[in-house]
Amino acid sequence: MMEYEQEVKSRLAEAINSSAMSLAELSRRTEIPYTTIQEYARGVMPTAARLGLLCRALGVSADVLLGLRES
């Protein structure tokens, strides 16, 4: 279970860090505090609701971040 969670956190951090938008812009678009966005970019696991907001803002499928399908 821990390995799977680490993979999800890693895919999310990669999506955030490779995004064309700044962390500040991602914070504005999702209404998630900037410091929390920084934590996600470093590999902290968000709640399901925030994961959905992040997926929408980043244009990434939750299925891809969760490893349920390939990009």
PDB file of N, CA and C in Angstrom:
ATOM      1  N   MET A   1       0.827  -1.204   0.000  1.00  0.00           N
ATOM      2  CA  MET A   1       0.000   0.000   0.000  1.00  0.00           C
ATOM      3  C   MET A   1       0.869   1.265   0.000  1.00  0.00           C
ATOM      4  N   MET A   2       1.915   1.238   0.784  1.00  0.00           N
ATOM      5  CA  MET A   2       2.778   2.416   0.865  1.00  0.00           C
ATOM      6  C   MET A   2       3.446   2.708  -0.478  1.00  0.00           C
ATOM      7  N   GLU A   3       3.826   1.653  -1.195  1.00  0.00           N
ATOM      8  CA  GLU A   3       4.466   1.842  -2.489  1.00  0.00           C
ATOM      9  C   GLU A   3       3.491   2.492  -3.480  1.00  0.00           C
ATOM     10  N   TYR A   4       2.243   2.043  -3.482  1.00  0.00           N
ATOM     11  CA  TYR A   4       1.231   2.614  -4.368  1.00  0.00           C
ATOM     12  C   TYR A   4       1.020   4.095  -4.047  1.00  0.00           C
ATOM     13  N   GLU A   5       0.899   4.424  -2.758  1.00  0.00           N
ATOM     14  CA  GLU A   5       0.700   5.818  -2.356  1.00  0.00           C
ATOM     15  C   GLU A   5       1.876   6.669  -2.801  1.00  0.00           C
ATOM     16  N   GLN A   6       3.081   6.147  -2.679  1.00  0.00           N
ATOM     17  CA  GLN A   6       4.266   6.884  -3.110  1.00  0.00           C
ATOM     18  C   GLN A   6       4.237   7.131  -4.613  1.00  0.00           C
ATOM     19  N   GLU A   7       3.774   6.152  -5.386  1.00  0.00           N
ATOM     20  CA  GLU A   7       3.670   6.316  -6.831  1.00  0.00           C
ATOM     21  C   GLU A   7       2.671   7.409  -7.194  1.00  0.00           C
ATOM     22  N   VAL A   8       1.535   7.447  -6.508  1.00  0.00           N
ATOM     23  CA  VAL A   8       0.521   8.476  -6.765  1.00  0.00           C
ATOM     24  C   VAL A   8       1.091   9.853  -6.444  1.00  0.00           C
ATOM     25  N   LYS A   9       1.724   9.977  -5.286  1.00  0.00           N
ATOM     26  CA  LYS A   9       2.308  11.265  -4.893  1.00  0.00           C
ATOM     27  C   LYS A   9       3.364  11.706  -5.890  1.00  0.00           C
ATOM     28  N   SER A  10       4.139  10.763  -6.370  1.00  0.00           N
ATOM     29  CA  SER A  10       5.187  11.074  -7.343  1.00  0.00           C
ATOM     30  C   SER A  10       4.590  11.553  -8.670  1.00  0.00           C
ATOM     31  N   ARG A  11       3.551  10.863  -9.148  1.00  0.00           N
ATOM     32  CA  ARG A  11       2.904  11.284 -10.409  1.00  0.00           C
ATOM     33  C   ARG A  11       2.272  12.671 -10.273  1.00  0.00           C
ATOM     34  N   LEU A  12       1.658  12.949  -9.126  1.00  0.00           N
ATOM     35  CA  LEU A  12       1.070  14.263  -8.906  1.00  0.00           C
ATOM     36  C   LEU A  12       2.147  15.336  -8.873  1.00  0.00           C
ATOM     37  N   ALA A  13       3.213  15.096  -8.125  1.00  0.00           N
ATOM     38  CA  ALA A  13       4.299  16.073  -8.046  1.00  0.00           C
ATOM     39  C   ALA A  13       4.884  16.334  -9.428  1.00  0.00           C
ATOM     40  N   GLU A  14       5.041  15.281 -10.223  1.00  0.00           N
ATOM     41  CA  GLU A  14       5.558  15.439 -11.582  1.00  0.00           C
ATOM     42  C   GLU A  14       4.614  16.283 -12.439  1.00  0.00           C
ATOM     43  N   ALA A  15       3.309  16.035 -12.320  1.00  0.00           N
ATOM     44  CA  ALA A  15       2.324  16.808 -13.090  1.00  0.00           C
ATOM     45  C   ALA A  15       2.366  18.281 -12.697  1.00  0.00           C
ATOM     46  N   ILE A  16       2.492  18.544 -11.409  1.00  0.00           N
ATOM     47  CA  ILE A  16       2.554  19.933 -10.942  1.00  0.00           C
ATOM     48  C   ILE A  16       3.833  20.592 -11.437  1.00  0.00           C
ATOM     49  N   ASN A  17       4.953  19.930 -11.246  1.00  0.00           N
ATOM     50  CA  ASN A  17       6.244  20.525 -11.591  1.00  0.00           C
ATOM     51  C   ASN A  17       6.466  20.672 -13.091  1.00  0.00           C
ATOM     52  N   SER A  18       5.818  19.839 -13.897  1.00  0.00           N
ATOM     53  CA  SER A  18       5.983  19.956 -15.346  1.00  0.00           C
ATOM     54  C   SER A  18       4.918  20.835 -15.991  1.00  0.00           C
ATOM     55  N   SER A  19       4.003  21.323 -15.176  1.00  0.00           N
ATOM     56  CA  SER A  19       2.946  22.197 -15.682  1.00  0.00           C
ATOM     57  C   SER A  19       3.532  23.519 -16.158  1.00  0.00           C
ATOM     58  N   ALA A  20       2.885  24.105 -17.141  1.00  0.00           N
ATOM     59  CA  ALA A  20       3.327  25.404 -17.651  1.00  0.00           C
ATOM     60  C   ALA A  20       2.963  26.537 -16.694  1.00  0.00           C
ATOM     61  N   MET A  21       2.086  26.264 -15.722  1.00  0.00           N
ATOM     62  CA  MET A  21       1.666  27.334 -14.814  1.00  0.00           C
ATOM     63  C   MET A  21       2.492  27.319 -13.529  1.00  0.00           C
ATOM     64  N   SER A  22       2.583  28.479 -12.926  1.00  0.00           N
ATOM     65  CA  SER A  22       3.316  28.596 -11.666  1.00  0.00           C
ATOM     66  C   SER A  22       2.486  28.003 -10.525  1.00  0.00           C
ATOM     67  N   LEU A  23       3.140  27.750  -9.421  1.00  0.00           N
ATOM     68  CA  LEU A  23       2.425  27.258  -8.246  1.00  0.00           C
ATOM     69  C   LEU A  23       1.406  28.289  -7.767  1.00  0.00           C
ATOM     70  N   ALA A  24       1.745  29.556  -7.891  1.00  0.00           N
ATOM     71  CA  ALA A  24       0.818  30.617  -7.495  1.00  0.00           C
ATOM     72  C   ALA A  24      -0.438  30.599  -8.366  1.00  0.00           C
ATOM     73  N   GLU A  25      -0.257  30.391  -9.664  1.00  0.00           N
ATOM     74  CA  GLU A  25      -1.407  30.323 -10.574  1.00  0.00           C
ATOM     75  C   GLU A  25      -2.251  29.088 -10.275  1.00  0.00           C
ATOM     76  N   LEU A  26      -1.617  27.967 -10.015  1.00  0.00           N
ATOM     77  CA  LEU A  26      -2.342  26.756  -9.666  1.00  0.00           C
ATOM     78  C   LEU A  26      -3.133  26.969  -8.374  1.00  0.00           C
ATOM     79  N   SER A  27      -2.548  27.666  -7.440  1.00  0.00           N
ATOM     80  CA  SER A  27      -3.242  27.995  -6.197  1.00  0.00           C
ATOM     81  C   SER A  27      -4.478  28.850  -6.472  1.00  0.00           C
ATOM     82  N   ARG A  28      -4.336  29.846  -7.317  1.00  0.00           N
ATOM     83  CA  ARG A  28      -5.476  30.710  -7.664  1.00  0.00           C
ATOM     84  C   ARG A  28      -6.582  29.928  -8.364  1.00  0.00           C
ATOM     85  N   ARG A  29      -6.202  29.071  -9.312  1.00  0.00           N
ATOM     86  CA  ARG A  29      -7.201  28.325 -10.076  1.00  0.00           C
ATOM     87  C   ARG A  29      -7.960  27.302  -9.233  1.00  0.00           C
ATOM     88  N   THR A  30      -7.277  26.730  -8.252  1.00  0.00           N
ATOM     89  CA  THR A  30      -7.898  25.682  -7.435  1.00  0.00           C
ATOM     90  C   THR A  30      -8.459  26.197  -6.117  1.00  0.00           C
ATOM     91  N   GLU A  31      -8.060  27.410  -5.745  1.00  0.00           N
ATOM     92  CA  GLU A  31      -8.410  27.996  -4.445  1.00  0.00           C
ATOM     93  C   GLU A  31      -7.848  27.164  -3.285  1.00  0.00           C
ATOM     94  N   ILE A  32      -6.752  26.474  -3.558  1.00  0.00           N
ATOM     95  CA  ILE A  32      -6.006  25.749  -2.531  1.00  0.00           C
ATOM     96  C   ILE A  32      -4.862  26.663  -2.110  1.00  0.00           C
ATOM     97  N   PRO A  33      -4.622  26.815  -0.812  1.00  0.00           N
ATOM     98  CA  PRO A  33      -3.549  27.718  -0.374  1.00  0.00           C
ATOM     99  C   PRO A  33      -2.203  27.401  -1.034  1.00  0.00           C
ATOM    100  N   TYR A  34      -1.459  28.456  -1.316  1.00  0.00           N
ATOM    101  CA  TYR A  34      -0.168  28.335  -1.994  1.00  0.00           C
ATOM    102  C   TYR A  34       0.768  27.390  -1.247  1.00  0.00           C
ATOM    103  N   THR A  35       0.839  27.498   0.061  1.00  0.00           N
ATOM    104  CA  THR A  35       1.743  26.639   0.833  1.00  0.00           C
ATOM    105  C   THR A  35       1.345  25.171   0.724  1.00  0.00           C
ATOM    106  N   THR A  36       0.065  24.906   0.584  1.00  0.00           N
ATOM    107  CA  THR A  36      -0.406  23.525   0.409  1.00  0.00           C
ATOM    108  C   THR A  36      -0.015  23.012  -0.969  1.00  0.00           C
ATOM    109  N   ILE A  37      -0.129  23.863  -1.982  1.00  0.00           N
ATOM    110  CA  ILE A  37       0.301  23.494  -3.339  1.00  0.00           C
ATOM    111  C   ILE A  37       1.794  23.155  -3.323  1.00  0.00           C
ATOM    112  N   GLN A  38       2.584  23.925  -2.604  1.00  0.00           N
ATOM    113  CA  GLN A  38       4.015  23.643  -2.483  1.00  0.00           C
ATOM    114  C   GLN A  38       4.241  22.246  -1.894  1.00  0.00           C
ATOM    115  N   GLU A  39       3.463  21.892  -0.893  1.00  0.00           N
ATOM    116  CA  GLU A  39       3.594  20.573  -0.275  1.00  0.00           C
ATOM    117  C   GLU A  39       3.266  19.466  -1.280  1.00  0.00           C
ATOM    118  N   TYR A  40       2.208  19.657  -2.059  1.00  0.00           N
ATOM    119  CA  TYR A  40       1.845  18.662  -3.068  1.00  0.00           C
ATOM    120  C   TYR A  40       2.961  18.519  -4.105  1.00  0.00           C
ATOM    121  N   ALA A  41       3.577  19.636  -4.478  1.00  0.00           N
ATOM    122  CA  ALA A  41       4.672  19.611  -5.453  1.00  0.00           C
ATOM    123  C   ALA A  41       5.883  18.865  -4.906  1.00  0.00           C
ATOM    124  N   ARG A  42       5.995  18.784  -3.579  1.00  0.00           N
ATOM    125  CA  ARG A  42       7.101  18.052  -2.941  1.00  0.00           C
ATOM    126  C   ARG A  42       6.714  16.616  -2.616  1.00  0.00           C
ATOM    127  N   GLY A  43       5.477  16.217  -2.925  1.00  0.00           N
ATOM    128  CA  GLY A  43       5.107  14.823  -2.756  1.00  0.00           C
ATOM    129  C   GLY A  43       4.164  14.502  -1.628  1.00  0.00           C
ATOM    130  N   VAL A  44       3.434  15.486  -1.114  1.00  0.00           N
ATOM    131  CA  VAL A  44       2.431  15.226  -0.079  1.00  0.00           C
ATOM    132  C   VAL A  44       1.127  14.824  -0.760  1.00  0.00           C
ATOM    133  N   MET A  45       0.413  13.855  -0.189  1.00  0.00           N
ATOM    134  CA  MET A  45      -0.836  13.342  -0.770  1.00  0.00           C
ATOM    135  C   MET A  45      -2.007  14.268  -0.433  1.00  0.00           C
ATOM    136  N   PRO A  46      -2.745  14.730  -1.448  1.00  0.00           N
ATOM    137  CA  PRO A  46      -3.922  15.559  -1.199  1.00  0.00           C
ATOM    138  C   PRO A  46      -5.141  14.700  -0.859  1.00  0.00           C
ATOM    139  N   THR A  47      -6.171  15.356  -0.358  1.00  0.00           N
ATOM    140  CA  THR A  47      -7.445  14.673  -0.163  1.00  0.00           C
ATOM    141  C   THR A  47      -8.051  14.396  -1.536  1.00  0.00           C
ATOM    142  N   ALA A  48      -9.052  13.542  -1.573  1.00  0.00           N
ATOM    143  CA  ALA A  48      -9.705  13.205  -2.846  1.00  0.00           C
ATOM    144  C   ALA A  48     -10.309  14.440  -3.498  1.00  0.00           C
ATOM    145  N   ALA A  49     -10.938  15.289  -2.707  1.00  0.00           N
ATOM    146  CA  ALA A  49     -11.565  16.492  -3.264  1.00  0.00           C
ATOM    147  C   ALA A  49     -10.518  17.414  -3.889  1.00  0.00           C
ATOM    148  N   ARG A  50      -9.406  17.587  -3.202  1.00  0.00           N
ATOM    149  CA  ARG A  50      -8.360  18.451  -3.744  1.00  0.00           C
ATOM    150  C   ARG A  50      -7.664  17.804  -4.937  1.00  0.00           C
ATOM    151  N   LEU A  51      -7.571  16.493  -4.935  1.00  0.00           N
ATOM    152  CA  LEU A  51      -6.992  15.821  -6.093  1.00  0.00           C
ATOM    153  C   LEU A  51      -7.824  16.113  -7.332  1.00  0.00           C
ATOM    154  N   GLY A  52      -9.127  16.096  -7.182  1.00  0.00           N
ATOM    155  CA  GLY A  52     -10.016  16.431  -8.297  1.00  0.00           C
ATOM    156  C   GLY A  52      -9.805  17.845  -8.798  1.00  0.00           C
ATOM    157  N   LEU A  53      -9.681  18.799  -7.880  1.00  0.00           N
ATOM    158  CA  LEU A  53      -9.425  20.189  -8.269  1.00  0.00           C
ATOM    159  C   LEU A  53      -8.101  20.313  -9.015  1.00  0.00           C
ATOM    160  N   LEU A  54      -7.092  19.623  -8.512  1.00  0.00           N
ATOM    161  CA  LEU A  54      -5.775  19.677  -9.145  1.00  0.00           C
ATOM    162  C   LEU A  54      -5.806  19.062 -10.539  1.00  0.00           C
ATOM    163  N   CYS A  55      -6.483  17.937 -10.676  1.00  0.00           N
ATOM    164  CA  CYS A  55      -6.587  17.287 -11.988  1.00  0.00           C
ATOM    165  C   CYS A  55      -7.247  18.210 -12.996  1.00  0.00           C
ATOM    166  N   ARG A  56      -8.328  18.831 -12.577  1.00  0.00           N
ATOM    167  CA  ARG A  56      -9.052  19.741 -13.479  1.00  0.00           C
ATOM    168  C   ARG A  56      -8.156  20.905 -13.894  1.00  0.00           C
ATOM    169  N   ALA A  57      -7.484  21.516 -12.937  1.00  0.00           N
ATOM    170  CA  ALA A  57      -6.646  22.678 -13.239  1.00  0.00           C
ATOM    171  C   ALA A  57      -5.431  22.311 -14.086  1.00  0.00           C
ATOM    172  N   LEU A  58      -4.879  21.125 -13.841  1.00  0.00           N
ATOM    173  CA  LEU A  58      -3.681  20.695 -14.568  1.00  0.00           C
ATOM    174  C   LEU A  58      -4.004  20.033 -15.903  1.00  0.00           C
ATOM    175  N   GLY A  59      -5.280  19.704 -16.123  1.00  0.00           N
ATOM    176  CA  GLY A  59      -5.665  19.028 -17.353  1.00  0.00           C
ATOM    177  C   GLY A  59      -5.159  17.599 -17.407  1.00  0.00           C
ATOM    178  N   VAL A  60      -5.113  16.946 -16.239  1.00  0.00           N
ATOM    179  CA  VAL A  60      -4.627  15.572 -16.123  1.00  0.00           C
ATOM    180  C   VAL A  60      -5.753  14.708 -15.587  1.00  0.00           C
ATOM    181  N   SER A  61      -5.880  13.517 -16.115  1.00  0.00           N
ATOM    182  CA  SER A  61      -6.900  12.589 -15.656  1.00  0.00           C
ATOM    183  C   SER A  61      -6.522  12.004 -14.294  1.00  0.00           C
ATOM    184  N   ALA A  62      -7.495  11.910 -13.411  1.00  0.00           N
ATOM    185  CA  ALA A  62      -7.265  11.267 -12.120  1.00  0.00           C
ATOM    186  C   ALA A  62      -6.875   9.809 -12.327  1.00  0.00           C
ATOM    187  N   ASP A  63      -7.422   9.172 -13.350  1.00  0.00           N
ATOM    188  CA  ASP A  63      -7.065   7.785 -13.647  1.00  0.00           C
ATOM    189  C   ASP A  63      -5.572   7.641 -13.922  1.00  0.00           C
ATOM    190  N   VAL A  64      -5.007   8.618 -14.589  1.00  0.00           N
ATOM    191  CA  VAL A  64      -3.577   8.583 -14.886  1.00  0.00           C
ATOM    192  C   VAL A  64      -2.783   8.783 -13.606  1.00  0.00           C
ATOM    193  N   LEU A  65      -3.151   9.768 -12.797  1.00  0.00           N
ATOM    194  CA  LEU A  65      -2.424  10.018 -11.545  1.00  0.00           C
ATOM    195  C   LEU A  65      -2.542   8.833 -10.589  1.00  0.00           C
ATOM    196  N   LEU A  66      -3.684   8.168 -10.599  1.00  0.00           N
ATOM    197  CA  LEU A  66      -3.883   7.033  -9.715  1.00  0.00           C
ATOM    198  C   LEU A  66      -3.307   5.741 -10.283  1.00  0.00           C
ATOM    199  N   GLY A  67      -2.781   5.799 -11.506  1.00  0.00           N
ATOM    200  CA  GLY A  67      -2.163   4.630 -12.110  1.00  0.00           C
ATOM    201  C   GLY A  67      -3.154   3.617 -12.656  1.00  0.00           C
ATOM    202  N   LEU A  68      -4.391   4.063 -12.892  1.00  0.00           N
ATOM    203  CA  LEU A  68      -5.407   3.149 -13.405  1.00  0.00           C
ATOM    204  C   LEU A  68      -5.337   3.004 -14.919  1.00  0.00           C
ATOM    205  N   ARG A  69      -4.690   3.958 -15.575  1.00  0.00           N
ATOM    206  CA  ARG A  69      -4.466   3.851 -17.007  1.00  0.00           C
ATOM    207  C   ARG A  69      -3.257   4.681 -17.378  1.00  0.00           C
ATOM    208  N   GLU A  70      -2.697   4.380 -18.520  1.00  0.00           N
ATOM    209  CA  GLU A  70      -1.531   5.098 -19.024  1.00  0.00           C
ATOM    210  C   GLU A  70      -1.948   6.472 -19.537  1.00  0.00           C
ATOM    211  N   SER A  71      -0.999   7.372 -19.597  1.00  0.00           N
ATOM    212  CA  SER A  71      -1.302   8.709 -20.114  1.00  0.00           C
ATOM    213  C   SER A  71      -1.564   8.610 -21.577  1.00  0.00           C
TER     214      SER A  71
END
